[in-house]
Amino acid sequence: MSSRRTFIKSASGATALSLLAPGLTHASVSEDPNAREGKDNEPFRLGLAGYTFVKFKLDPALGMMKKVDVRWLCIKDFHLPMKSSAEEIAAFHAKLKEAGVTGYGVGPIYMKTKTAIDEAFDYAKRVGVDLIVGIPETSDLPYVEQKVKEYNIRYAIHNHGPGDKVYPNAMTINGYIKDLDPRVGMCFDIGHNMRYGNDPIADFTKYHKRILDMHLKNVTSATHDGTTNELGRGVIDIPELVKTLRKVRYSGVCALEYEKDMSDPLAGIAESVGYFRGVLDATR
């Protein structure tokens, strides 16, 4: 296996190409987002979690996605408000299409009441996606299951690490959902899982059948105080993670959630995307 230096070198090359010659990059790949990774033919897809762009309007966010040639976005309501009209939703999708991006899900959305759950499912249906990333009250999980069956929209609960008293890690979420409809699963945040002290690779292997979405990130340490950094610079073994994704045949999106330098994230996003693609090449 190539060393981390090799991966970083691959990342640097990808970053330089995407930032310095974006036209060349886009001319060399299919416009079909299902075929984005080209020769990779992976069962999973690389995307971006909308929260990455919390400090940006939609147009500059899509501009950054275009520069790094990532085609899948989990939509946040600060870009498409939950009360949006049909016309506003259509205009939003038109912007995404122009940028070569597909919105594949919505969230994370906090839901403290059954009314909030109703609103989230109605929103997802109107937006035209089949995945909600949500944080419900545990007492409302039977109602979430009911709505999943009614709408045939999957619901992925997000874990938030040691500061989250309800859903800190994959093990806790699985305990709540293991007997529910399989369309009720988790959005597995590997960084927060590691910050809790749980091995995200072992947990991905153990709970993969309930993992509907994931937040791809790395962290500085396996502690409460660990912070997010570039994908190739933290304590999570990303090459081993990629092998695990292939082994369990994960077919969802690997949504990079970049939370470092959020006022100026492009360089870190580009490095992380280039690193991930370098790992794909080096471990194939």
C-alpha atoms as a PDB file:
ATOM      1  CA  MET A   1       0.000   0.000   0.000  1.00  0.00           C
ATOM      2  CA  SER A   2       1.180   3.473  -0.801  1.00  0.00           C
ATOM      3  CA  SER A   3       2.146   5.753   2.043  1.00  0.00           C
ATOM      4  CA  ARG A   4       0.232   8.785   3.264  1.00  0.00           C
ATOM      5  CA  ARG A   5       2.782  10.899   1.403  1.00  0.00           C
ATOM      6  CA  THR A   6       1.635   9.247  -1.833  1.00  0.00           C
ATOM      7  CA  PHE A   7      -1.977  10.048  -1.011  1.00  0.00           C
ATOM      8  CA  ILE A   8      -1.145  13.663  -0.198  1.00  0.00           C
ATOM      9  CA  LYS A   9       0.728  13.914  -3.474  1.00  0.00           C
ATOM     10  CA  SER A  10      -2.340  12.579  -5.282  1.00  0.00           C
ATOM     11  CA  ALA A  11      -4.471  15.081  -3.406  1.00  0.00           C
ATOM     12  CA  SER A  12      -2.185  17.934  -4.385  1.00  0.00           C
ATOM     13  CA  GLY A  13      -2.410  16.970  -8.034  1.00  0.00           C
ATOM     14  CA  ALA A  14      -6.185  16.752  -7.950  1.00  0.00           C
ATOM     15  CA  THR A  15      -6.406  20.058  -6.119  1.00  0.00           C
ATOM     16  CA  ALA A  16      -4.156  21.822  -8.599  1.00  0.00           C
ATOM     17  CA  LEU A  17      -6.151  20.460 -11.545  1.00  0.00           C
ATOM     18  CA  SER A  18      -9.523  21.397 -10.092  1.00  0.00           C
ATOM     19  CA  LEU A  19      -8.498  24.860  -8.940  1.00  0.00           C
ATOM     20  CA  LEU A  20      -6.233  25.901 -11.788  1.00  0.00           C
ATOM     21  CA  ALA A  21      -7.983  24.220 -14.716  1.00  0.00           C
ATOM     22  CA  PRO A  22     -11.633  23.629 -13.836  1.00  0.00           C
ATOM     23  CA  GLY A  23     -12.661  23.697 -17.468  1.00  0.00           C
ATOM     24  CA  LEU A  24     -10.298  20.849 -18.281  1.00  0.00           C
ATOM     25  CA  THR A  25     -11.613  18.821 -15.361  1.00  0.00           C
ATOM     26  CA  HIS A  26     -15.237  19.170 -16.430  1.00  0.00           C
ATOM     27  CA  ALA A  27     -14.476  18.462 -20.070  1.00  0.00           C
ATOM     28  CA  SER A  28     -12.983  15.106 -19.141  1.00  0.00           C
ATOM     29  CA  VAL A  29     -15.837  13.587 -17.134  1.00  0.00           C
ATOM     30  CA  SER A  30     -19.385  12.528 -17.811  1.00  0.00           C
ATOM     31  CA  GLU A  31     -22.143  15.015 -17.016  1.00  0.00           C
ATOM     32  CA  ASP A  32     -24.109  12.138 -15.470  1.00  0.00           C
ATOM     33  CA  PRO A  33     -23.533  12.438 -11.692  1.00  0.00           C
ATOM     34  CA  ASN A  34     -23.998   8.676 -11.371  1.00  0.00           C
ATOM     35  CA  ALA A  35     -20.794   8.298 -13.374  1.00  0.00           C
ATOM     36  CA  ARG A  36     -18.826  11.064 -11.599  1.00  0.00           C
ATOM     37  CA  GLU A  37     -15.997   8.879 -10.404  1.00  0.00           C
ATOM     38  CA  GLY A  38     -15.485   7.539 -13.930  1.00  0.00           C
ATOM     39  CA  LYS A  39     -13.116   4.609 -13.854  1.00  0.00           C
ATOM     40  CA  ASP A  40     -13.637   4.078 -10.131  1.00  0.00           C
ATOM     41  CA  ASN A  41     -16.960   2.222 -10.530  1.00  0.00           C
ATOM     42  CA  GLU A  42     -17.461   2.320  -6.780  1.00  0.00           C
ATOM     43  CA  PRO A  43     -20.829   1.360  -5.260  1.00  0.00           C
ATOM     44  CA  PHE A  44     -20.663   4.546  -3.171  1.00  0.00           C
ATOM     45  CA  ARG A  45     -20.560   8.190  -4.268  1.00  0.00           C
ATOM     46  CA  LEU A  46     -18.600  11.176  -3.028  1.00  0.00           C
ATOM     47  CA  GLY A  47     -20.683  14.191  -2.045  1.00  0.00           C
ATOM     48  CA  LEU A  48     -20.771  17.171   0.283  1.00  0.00           C
ATOM     49  CA  ALA A  49     -22.865  17.763   3.370  1.00  0.00           C
ATOM     50  CA  GLY A  50     -24.671  21.086   3.030  1.00  0.00           C
ATOM     51  CA  TYR A  51     -23.583  22.221   6.500  1.00  0.00           C
ATOM     52  CA  THR A  52     -20.073  22.633   5.058  1.00  0.00           C
ATOM     53  CA  PHE A  53     -21.407  25.809   3.418  1.00  0.00           C
ATOM     54  CA  VAL A  54     -23.271  27.271   6.394  1.00  0.00           C
ATOM     55  CA  LYS A  55     -21.546  30.630   5.888  1.00  0.00           C
ATOM     56  CA  PHE A  56     -22.222  30.803   2.147  1.00  0.00           C
ATOM     57  CA  LYS A  57     -25.179  31.464  -0.132  1.00  0.00           C
ATOM     58  CA  LEU A  58     -26.095  28.774  -2.642  1.00  0.00           C
ATOM     59  CA  ASP A  59     -24.263  30.221  -5.668  1.00  0.00           C
ATOM     60  CA  PRO A  60     -20.767  30.363  -4.098  1.00  0.00           C
ATOM     61  CA  ALA A  61     -21.363  26.953  -2.490  1.00  0.00           C
ATOM     62  CA  LEU A  62     -22.139  25.448  -5.879  1.00  0.00           C
ATOM     63  CA  GLY A  63     -19.126  27.279  -7.301  1.00  0.00           C
ATOM     64  CA  MET A  64     -16.884  25.492  -4.812  1.00  0.00           C
ATOM     65  CA  MET A  65     -18.469  22.144  -5.612  1.00  0.00           C
ATOM     66  CA  LYS A  66     -17.856  22.766  -9.306  1.00  0.00           C
ATOM     67  CA  LYS A  67     -14.193  23.589  -8.682  1.00  0.00           C
ATOM     68  CA  VAL A  68     -13.594  20.249  -6.943  1.00  0.00           C
ATOM     69  CA  ASP A  69     -15.979  18.396  -9.293  1.00  0.00           C
ATOM     70  CA  VAL A  70     -18.204  16.878  -6.605  1.00  0.00           C
ATOM     71  CA  ARG A  71     -21.742  16.208  -7.817  1.00  0.00           C
ATOM     72  CA  TRP A  72     -23.859  15.179  -4.805  1.00  0.00           C
ATOM     73  CA  LEU A  73     -25.233  17.521  -2.135  1.00  0.00           C
ATOM     74  CA  CYS A  74     -27.262  16.908   1.024  1.00  0.00           C
ATOM     75  CA  ILE A  75     -29.485  19.988   1.088  1.00  0.00           C
ATOM     76  CA  LYS A  76     -29.649  22.245   4.139  1.00  0.00           C
ATOM     77  CA  ASP A  77     -32.620  24.486   4.811  1.00  0.00           C
ATOM     78  CA  PHE A  78     -30.490  27.643   4.855  1.00  0.00           C
ATOM     79  CA  HIS A  79     -30.099  27.064   1.098  1.00  0.00           C
ATOM     80  CA  LEU A  80     -33.656  25.834   0.502  1.00  0.00           C
ATOM     81  CA  PRO A  81     -36.032  26.846   3.314  1.00  0.00           C
ATOM     82  CA  MET A  82     -38.571  24.270   4.429  1.00  0.00           C
ATOM     83  CA  LYS A  83     -41.449  26.622   3.566  1.00  0.00           C
ATOM     84  CA  SER A  84     -40.230  27.045  -0.033  1.00  0.00           C
ATOM     85  CA  SER A  85     -42.892  27.183  -2.733  1.00  0.00           C
ATOM     86  CA  ALA A  86     -42.985  24.827  -5.704  1.00  0.00           C
ATOM     87  CA  GLU A  87     -41.568  27.627  -7.856  1.00  0.00           C
ATOM     88  CA  GLU A  88     -38.688  28.217  -5.429  1.00  0.00           C
ATOM     89  CA  ILE A  89     -37.906  24.508  -5.316  1.00  0.00           C
ATOM     90  CA  ALA A  90     -37.902  24.322  -9.118  1.00  0.00           C
ATOM     91  CA  ALA A  91     -35.543  27.313  -9.320  1.00  0.00           C
ATOM     92  CA  PHE A  92     -33.261  25.699  -6.736  1.00  0.00           C
ATOM     93  CA  HIS A  93     -33.050  22.465  -8.727  1.00  0.00           C
ATOM     94  CA  ALA A  94     -32.386  24.439 -11.900  1.00  0.00           C
ATOM     95  CA  LYS A  95     -29.361  26.052 -10.234  1.00  0.00           C
ATOM     96  CA  LEU A  96     -28.101  22.657  -9.103  1.00  0.00           C
ATOM     97  CA  LYS A  97     -28.537  21.212 -12.586  1.00  0.00           C
ATOM     98  CA  GLU A  98     -26.621  24.102 -14.123  1.00  0.00           C
ATOM     99  CA  ALA A  99     -23.749  23.345 -11.731  1.00  0.00           C
ATOM    100  CA  GLY A 100     -23.895  19.608 -12.461  1.00  0.00           C
ATOM    101  CA  VAL A 101     -25.034  18.857  -8.897  1.00  0.00           C
ATOM    102  CA  THR A 102     -27.800  16.566  -7.651  1.00  0.00           C
ATOM    103  CA  GLY A 103     -29.488  17.022  -4.288  1.00  0.00           C
ATOM    104  CA  TYR A 104     -29.834  13.529  -2.844  1.00  0.00           C
ATOM    105  CA  GLY A 105     -31.264  14.240   0.621  1.00  0.00           C
ATOM    106  CA  VAL A 106     -32.221  16.948   3.111  1.00  0.00           C
ATOM    107  CA  GLY A 107     -30.889  17.701   6.576  1.00  0.00           C
ATOM    108  CA  PRO A 108     -29.828  17.346   9.248  1.00  0.00           C
ATOM    109  CA  ILE A 109     -33.137  18.582  10.632  1.00  0.00           C
ATOM    110  CA  TYR A 110     -33.915  18.685  14.359  1.00  0.00           C
ATOM    111  CA  MET A 111     -37.444  17.497  15.120  1.00  0.00           C
ATOM    112  CA  LYS A 112     -38.788  18.098  18.615  1.00  0.00           C
ATOM    113  CA  THR A 113     -42.445  17.376  17.828  1.00  0.00           C
ATOM    114  CA  LYS A 114     -44.640  15.205  15.627  1.00  0.00           C
ATOM    115  CA  THR A 115     -45.602  18.354  13.735  1.00  0.00           C
ATOM    116  CA  ALA A 116     -41.931  18.963  12.925  1.00  0.00           C
ATOM    117  CA  ILE A 117     -41.674  15.376  11.670  1.00  0.00           C
ATOM    118  CA  ASP A 118     -44.729  15.926   9.440  1.00  0.00           C
ATOM    119  CA  GLU A 119     -43.169  19.099   8.057  1.00  0.00           C
ATOM    120  CA  ALA A 120     -39.855  17.360   7.337  1.00  0.00           C
ATOM    121  CA  PHE A 121     -41.465  14.530   5.389  1.00  0.00           C
ATOM    122  CA  ASP A 122     -43.632  16.970   3.437  1.00  0.00           C
ATOM    123  CA  TYR A 123     -40.521  19.028   2.675  1.00  0.00           C
ATOM    124  CA  ALA A 124     -38.547  16.001   1.449  1.00  0.00           C
ATOM    125  CA  LYS A 125     -41.444  14.932  -0.775  1.00  0.00           C
ATOM    126  CA  ARG A 126     -41.787  18.397  -2.305  1.00  0.00           C
ATOM    127  CA  VAL A 127     -38.022  18.658  -2.833  1.00  0.00           C
ATOM    128  CA  GLY A 128     -38.082  15.242  -4.508  1.00  0.00           C
ATOM    129  CA  VAL A 129     -35.547  13.332  -2.420  1.00  0.00           C
ATOM    130  CA  ASP A 130     -35.865   9.951  -0.734  1.00  0.00           C
ATOM    131  CA  LEU A 131     -33.655  10.616   2.308  1.00  0.00           C
ATOM    132  CA  ILE A 132     -34.047  12.752   5.416  1.00  0.00           C
ATOM    133  CA  VAL A 133     -31.165  13.186   7.828  1.00  0.00           C
ATOM    134  CA  GLY A 134     -32.846  13.914  11.124  1.00  0.00           C
ATOM    135  CA  ILE A 135     -32.587  14.156  14.878  1.00  0.00           C
ATOM    136  CA  PRO A 136     -35.918  13.136  16.434  1.00  0.00           C
ATOM    137  CA  GLU A 137     -37.008  12.641  20.014  1.00  0.00           C
ATOM    138  CA  THR A 138     -36.582   8.979  20.954  1.00  0.00           C
ATOM    139  CA  SER A 139     -40.234   8.860  22.046  1.00  0.00           C
ATOM    140  CA  ASP A 140     -41.240   9.814  18.490  1.00  0.00           C
ATOM    141  CA  LEU A 141     -39.362   7.001  16.745  1.00  0.00           C
ATOM    142  CA  PRO A 142     -42.528   4.892  16.256  1.00  0.00           C
ATOM    143  CA  TYR A 143     -44.084   7.925  14.558  1.00  0.00           C
ATOM    144  CA  VAL A 144     -40.968   8.355  12.376  1.00  0.00           C
ATOM    145  CA  GLU A 145     -41.331   4.723  11.335  1.00  0.00           C
ATOM    146  CA  GLN A 146     -44.998   5.334  10.492  1.00  0.00           C
ATOM    147  CA  LYS A 147     -44.082   8.292   8.265  1.00  0.00           C
ATOM    148  CA  VAL A 148     -41.292   6.299   6.570  1.00  0.00           C
ATOM    149  CA  LYS A 149     -43.836   3.664   5.598  1.00  0.00           C
ATOM    150  CA  GLU A 150     -46.372   6.275   4.484  1.00  0.00           C
ATOM    151  CA  TYR A 151     -43.965   8.278   2.300  1.00  0.00           C
ATOM    152  CA  ASN A 152     -41.406   5.588   1.393  1.00  0.00           C
ATOM    153  CA  ILE A 153     -38.722   8.113   2.330  1.00  0.00           C
ATOM    154  CA  ARG A 154     -35.713   6.861   4.288  1.00  0.00           C
ATOM    155  CA  TYR A 155     -34.822   8.472   7.612  1.00  0.00           C
ATOM    156  CA  ALA A 156     -31.209   8.594   8.816  1.00  0.00           C
ATOM    157  CA  ILE A 157     -30.489   9.624  12.424  1.00  0.00           C
ATOM    158  CA  HIS A 158     -27.300  11.637  12.860  1.00  0.00           C
ATOM    159  CA  ASN A 159     -24.851  10.982  15.726  1.00  0.00           C
ATOM    160  CA  HIS A 160     -23.088  13.996  17.245  1.00  0.00           C
ATOM    161  CA  GLY A 161     -20.407  12.555  19.510  1.00  0.00           C
ATOM    162  CA  PRO A 162     -19.682  12.942  23.221  1.00  0.00           C
ATOM    163  CA  GLY A 163     -21.624  16.191  23.599  1.00  0.00           C
ATOM    164  CA  ASP A 164     -24.820  14.500  22.393  1.00  0.00           C
ATOM    165  CA  LYS A 165     -26.683  12.903  25.304  1.00  0.00           C
ATOM    166  CA  VAL A 166     -29.196  11.105  23.048  1.00  0.00           C
ATOM    167  CA  TYR A 167     -27.449   9.972  19.844  1.00  0.00           C
ATOM    168  CA  PRO A 168     -23.684  10.131  20.494  1.00  0.00           C
ATOM    169  CA  ASN A 169     -22.566   7.159  18.376  1.00  0.00           C
ATOM    170  CA  ALA A 170     -23.589   4.367  16.032  1.00  0.00           C
ATOM    171  CA  MET A 171     -24.065   1.832  18.819  1.00  0.00           C
ATOM    172  CA  THR A 172     -26.593   4.026  20.623  1.00  0.00           C
ATOM    173  CA  ILE A 173     -28.593   4.763  17.472  1.00  0.00           C
ATOM    174  CA  ASN A 174     -28.664   1.097  16.528  1.00  0.00           C
ATOM    175  CA  GLY A 175     -30.075   0.251  19.939  1.00  0.00           C
ATOM    176  CA  TYR A 176     -33.048   2.527  19.263  1.00  0.00           C
ATOM    177  CA  ILE A 177     -33.732   1.502  15.648  1.00  0.00           C
ATOM    178  CA  LYS A 178     -32.731  -2.165  15.356  1.00  0.00           C
ATOM    179  CA  ASP A 179     -36.339  -3.398  15.509  1.00  0.00           C
ATOM    180  CA  LEU A 180     -37.785  -0.669  13.282  1.00  0.00           C
ATOM    181  CA  ASP A 181     -38.371  -0.684   9.532  1.00  0.00           C
ATOM    182  CA  PRO A 182     -34.972  -0.970   7.782  1.00  0.00           C
ATOM    183  CA  ARG A 183     -35.629   2.364   6.078  1.00  0.00           C
ATOM    184  CA  VAL A 184     -35.082   3.937   9.502  1.00  0.00           C
ATOM    185  CA  GLY A 185     -31.313   4.005   9.814  1.00  0.00           C
ATOM    186  CA  MET A 186     -28.441   6.325  10.549  1.00  0.00           C
ATOM    187  CA  CYS A 187     -26.343   9.050   9.006  1.00  0.00           C
ATOM    188  CA  PHE A 188     -23.055   7.816  10.409  1.00  0.00           C
ATOM    189  CA  ASP A 189     -20.706  10.668  11.291  1.00  0.00           C
ATOM    190  CA  ILE A 190     -17.372   8.886  11.540  1.00  0.00           C
ATOM    191  CA  GLY A 191     -15.611  11.874  13.118  1.00  0.00           C
ATOM    192  CA  HIS A 192     -18.057  12.262  15.983  1.00  0.00           C
ATOM    193  CA  ASN A 193     -18.033   8.494  16.502  1.00  0.00           C
ATOM    194  CA  MET A 194     -14.249   8.602  16.838  1.00  0.00           C
ATOM    195  CA  ARG A 195     -14.428  11.589  19.209  1.00  0.00           C
ATOM    196  CA  TYR A 196     -16.643   9.454  21.454  1.00  0.00           C
ATOM    197  CA  GLY A 197     -13.839   6.865  21.510  1.00  0.00           C
ATOM    198  CA  ASN A 198     -15.551   4.279  19.297  1.00  0.00           C
ATOM    199  CA  ASP A 199     -13.775   2.864  16.241  1.00  0.00           C
ATOM    200  CA  PRO A 200     -15.725   4.094  13.193  1.00  0.00           C
ATOM    201  CA  ILE A 201     -14.352   1.365  10.931  1.00  0.00           C
ATOM    202  CA  ALA A 202     -15.366  -1.437  13.295  1.00  0.00           C
ATOM    203  CA  ASP A 203     -18.756   0.198  13.764  1.00  0.00           C
ATOM    204  CA  PHE A 204     -19.258   0.617  10.023  1.00  0.00           C
ATOM    205  CA  THR A 205     -18.629  -3.097   9.638  1.00  0.00           C
ATOM    206  CA  LYS A 206     -21.011  -3.956  12.482  1.00  0.00           C
ATOM    207  CA  TYR A 207     -23.895  -1.627  11.608  1.00  0.00           C
ATOM    208  CA  HIS A 208     -23.525  -1.173   7.847  1.00  0.00           C
ATOM    209  CA  LYS A 209     -26.983  -2.536   7.071  1.00  0.00           C
ATOM    210  CA  ARG A 210     -28.500   0.417   8.949  1.00  0.00           C
ATOM    211  CA  ILE A 211     -26.144   3.087   7.576  1.00  0.00           C
ATOM    212  CA  LEU A 212     -28.095   5.016   4.943  1.00  0.00           C
ATOM    213  CA  ASP A 213     -25.780   8.032   4.716  1.00  0.00           C
ATOM    214  CA  MET A 214     -22.450   9.077   6.184  1.00  0.00           C
ATOM    215  CA  HIS A 215     -20.553  12.227   7.052  1.00  0.00           C
ATOM    216  CA  LEU A 216     -16.994  11.806   5.904  1.00  0.00           C
ATOM    217  CA  LYS A 217     -14.437  13.680   7.972  1.00  0.00           C
ATOM    218  CA  ASN A 218     -11.306  13.238  10.038  1.00  0.00           C
ATOM    219  CA  VAL A 219     -10.497  14.480  13.539  1.00  0.00           C
ATOM    220  CA  THR A 220      -7.351  15.400  15.415  1.00  0.00           C
ATOM    221  CA  SER A 221      -7.887  12.946  18.286  1.00  0.00           C
ATOM    222  CA  ALA A 222     -10.225  10.249  19.601  1.00  0.00           C
ATOM    223  CA  THR A 223     -11.351  12.493  22.438  1.00  0.00           C
ATOM    224  CA  HIS A 224     -14.092  14.972  23.269  1.00  0.00           C
ATOM    225  CA  ASP A 225     -11.693  17.768  22.353  1.00  0.00           C
ATOM    226  CA  GLY A 226     -10.817  16.343  18.939  1.00  0.00           C
ATOM    227  CA  THR A 227     -11.520  18.785  16.113  1.00  0.00           C
ATOM    228  CA  THR A 228     -12.220  18.337  12.423  1.00  0.00           C
ATOM    229  CA  ASN A 229      -9.347  18.706   9.985  1.00  0.00           C
ATOM    230  CA  GLU A 230      -8.409  17.793   6.427  1.00  0.00           C
ATOM    231  CA  LEU A 231      -9.355  14.239   5.536  1.00  0.00           C
ATOM    232  CA  GLY A 232      -5.824  12.910   5.238  1.00  0.00           C
ATOM    233  CA  ARG A 233      -4.437  14.518   8.415  1.00  0.00           C
ATOM    234  CA  GLY A 234      -6.399  12.979  11.300  1.00  0.00           C
ATOM    235  CA  VAL A 235      -6.482   9.809  13.361  1.00  0.00           C
ATOM    236  CA  ILE A 236      -9.076   7.900  11.290  1.00  0.00           C
ATOM    237  CA  ASP A 237      -7.489   5.457   8.855  1.00  0.00           C
ATOM    238  CA  ILE A 238      -9.228   6.552   5.642  1.00  0.00           C
ATOM    239  CA  PRO A 239      -7.607   3.887   3.401  1.00  0.00           C
ATOM    240  CA  GLU A 240      -8.924   1.203   5.762  1.00  0.00           C
ATOM    241  CA  LEU A 241     -12.328   2.897   5.750  1.00  0.00           C
ATOM    242  CA  VAL A 242     -12.426   2.754   1.945  1.00  0.00           C
ATOM    243  CA  LYS A 243     -11.617  -0.958   2.053  1.00  0.00           C
ATOM    244  CA  THR A 244     -14.460  -1.428   4.517  1.00  0.00           C
ATOM    245  CA  LEU A 245     -16.918   0.496   2.311  1.00  0.00           C
ATOM    246  CA  ARG A 246     -16.066  -1.838  -0.541  1.00  0.00           C
ATOM    247  CA  LYS A 247     -16.195  -4.953   1.614  1.00  0.00           C
ATOM    248  CA  VAL A 248     -19.698  -4.244   2.956  1.00  0.00           C
ATOM    249  CA  ARG A 249     -20.804  -2.863  -0.430  1.00  0.00           C
ATOM    250  CA  TYR A 250     -21.932   0.465   0.958  1.00  0.00           C
ATOM    251  CA  SER A 251     -24.031   2.088  -1.766  1.00  0.00           C
ATOM    252  CA  GLY A 252     -24.823   5.486  -0.245  1.00  0.00           C
ATOM    253  CA  VAL A 253     -23.085   8.837  -0.406  1.00  0.00           C
ATOM    254  CA  CYS A 254     -19.841   9.630   1.400  1.00  0.00           C
ATOM    255  CA  ALA A 255     -20.747  13.213   2.211  1.00  0.00           C
ATOM    256  CA  LEU A 256     -17.657  15.188   3.128  1.00  0.00           C
ATOM    257  CA  GLU A 257     -18.536  17.506   5.999  1.00  0.00           C
ATOM    258  CA  TYR A 258     -15.678  19.967   6.258  1.00  0.00           C
ATOM    259  CA  GLU A 259     -15.901  22.043   9.443  1.00  0.00           C
ATOM    260  CA  LYS A 260     -12.423  23.588   9.611  1.00  0.00           C
ATOM    261  CA  ASP A 261     -11.908  27.113   8.241  1.00  0.00           C
ATOM    262  CA  MET A 262     -15.620  27.383   7.501  1.00  0.00           C
ATOM    263  CA  SER A 263     -15.281  31.001   6.418  1.00  0.00           C
ATOM    264  CA  ASP A 264     -12.711  29.996   3.790  1.00  0.00           C
ATOM    265  CA  PRO A 265     -13.099  26.229   3.234  1.00  0.00           C
ATOM    266  CA  LEU A 266     -12.198  25.706  -0.413  1.00  0.00           C
ATOM    267  CA  ALA A 267      -8.531  24.746   0.066  1.00  0.00           C
ATOM    268  CA  GLY A 268      -9.403  22.201   2.768  1.00  0.00           C
ATOM    269  CA  ILE A 269     -12.290  20.794   0.767  1.00  0.00           C
ATOM    270  CA  ALA A 270     -10.075  20.462  -2.305  1.00  0.00           C
ATOM    271  CA  GLU A 271      -7.294  18.752  -0.339  1.00  0.00           C
ATOM    272  CA  SER A 272      -9.776  16.356   1.265  1.00  0.00           C
ATOM    273  CA  VAL A 273     -11.476  15.508  -2.033  1.00  0.00           C
ATOM    274  CA  GLY A 274      -8.123  14.975  -3.750  1.00  0.00           C
ATOM    275  CA  TYR A 275      -6.922  12.804  -0.873  1.00  0.00           C
ATOM    276  CA  PHE A 276     -10.057  10.649  -0.958  1.00  0.00           C
ATOM    277  CA  ARG A 277      -9.738  10.112  -4.697  1.00  0.00           C
ATOM    278  CA  GLY A 278      -6.058   9.345  -4.255  1.00  0.00           C
ATOM    279  CA  VAL A 279      -6.988   6.697  -1.686  1.00  0.00           C
ATOM    280  CA  LEU A 280      -9.506   5.199  -4.119  1.00  0.00           C
ATOM    281  CA  ASP A 281      -6.789   4.894  -6.766  1.00  0.00           C
ATOM    282  CA  ALA A 282      -4.088   3.587  -4.428  1.00  0.00           C
ATOM    283  CA  THR A 283      -6.247   0.930  -2.734  1.00  0.00           C
ATOM    284  CA  ARG A 284      -7.979  -0.409  -5.815  1.00  0.00           C
END
